[in-house]
Amino acid sequence: MALEEIKARISLLLQEMVNQPEDEHEIQEQLREKFSELRALGLPLPADLVELEQRLEAGFGAEA
């Protein structure tokens, strides 16, 4: 998948988290997959996405 497609999908997933909070866990998993795709392409995550990833991990761990 091209970089722009991944970035667009991340943006859509973030919007879905706002619009459909009941699907939050599924959306979080999809975001993690997109972050992994970026890394697999050899691209570093921007600082804001690294922070988001850390917040997702912290929130997920707190709820488990």
Protein backbone atom coordinates (compact mmCIF):
# COMPACT_ATOMS: atom_id res chain seq x y z
CA MET A 1 0.00 0.00 0.00
CA ALA A 2 1.33 3.44 -0.88
CA LEU A 3 2.30 5.89 1.83
CA GLU A 4 -0.47 8.32 0.95
CA GLU A 5 -3.05 5.53 1.15
CA ILE A 6 -1.83 4.54 4.61
CA LYS A 7 -1.89 8.14 5.82
CA ALA A 8 -5.41 8.60 4.43
CA ARG A 9 -6.60 5.42 6.13
CA ILE A 10 -5.10 6.53 9.46
CA SER A 11 -6.97 9.80 9.13
CA LEU A 12 -10.23 7.98 8.43
CA LEU A 13 -9.70 5.65 11.38
CA LEU A 14 -9.14 8.59 13.72
CA GLN A 15 -12.37 10.15 12.50
CA GLU A 16 -14.18 6.84 13.05
CA MET A 17 -12.96 6.80 16.66
CA VAL A 18 -14.72 10.12 17.18
CA ASN A 19 -17.89 9.18 15.30
CA GLN A 20 -18.20 5.57 16.46
CA PRO A 21 -16.74 5.27 19.97
CA GLU A 22 -18.46 1.90 20.42
CA ASP A 23 -15.99 0.44 17.87
CA GLU A 24 -12.94 1.93 19.59
CA HIS A 25 -11.07 -1.34 20.22
CA GLU A 26 -11.43 -2.53 16.63
CA ILE A 27 -10.31 0.85 15.34
CA GLN A 28 -7.31 0.82 17.69
CA GLU A 29 -6.24 -2.53 16.25
CA GLN A 30 -6.57 -1.19 12.73
CA LEU A 31 -4.46 1.84 13.67
CA ARG A 32 -1.75 -0.43 15.07
CA GLU A 33 -1.75 -2.35 11.79
CA LYS A 34 -1.29 0.89 9.82
CA PHE A 35 1.57 1.96 12.10
CA SER A 36 3.20 -1.41 11.46
CA GLU A 37 2.75 -0.98 7.71
CA LEU A 38 4.56 2.36 7.86
CA ARG A 39 7.41 0.78 9.78
CA ALA A 40 7.53 -2.14 7.33
CA LEU A 41 8.05 0.39 4.55
CA GLY A 42 11.07 1.65 6.48
CA LEU A 43 9.35 4.91 7.35
CA PRO A 44 9.58 6.40 10.82
CA LEU A 45 6.34 7.34 12.50
CA PRO A 46 5.86 11.09 12.97
CA ALA A 47 6.05 12.22 16.60
CA ASP A 48 2.30 12.78 16.86
CA LEU A 49 1.59 9.22 15.73
CA VAL A 50 4.19 7.83 18.14
CA GLU A 51 2.44 9.72 20.93
CA LEU A 52 -0.95 8.42 19.77
CA GLU A 53 0.40 4.87 19.66
CA GLN A 54 1.72 5.21 23.23
CA ARG A 55 -1.60 6.62 24.43
CA LEU A 56 -3.49 3.77 22.76
CA GLU A 57 -1.21 1.24 24.44
CA ALA A 58 -1.61 2.92 27.83
CA GLY A 59 -5.40 3.09 27.46
CA PHE A 60 -5.68 -0.49 26.24
CA GLY A 61 -3.57 -1.76 29.13
CA ALA A 62 -5.64 0.16 31.66
CA GLU A 63 -8.88 -1.37 30.37
CA ALA A 64 -7.66 -4.96 30.16
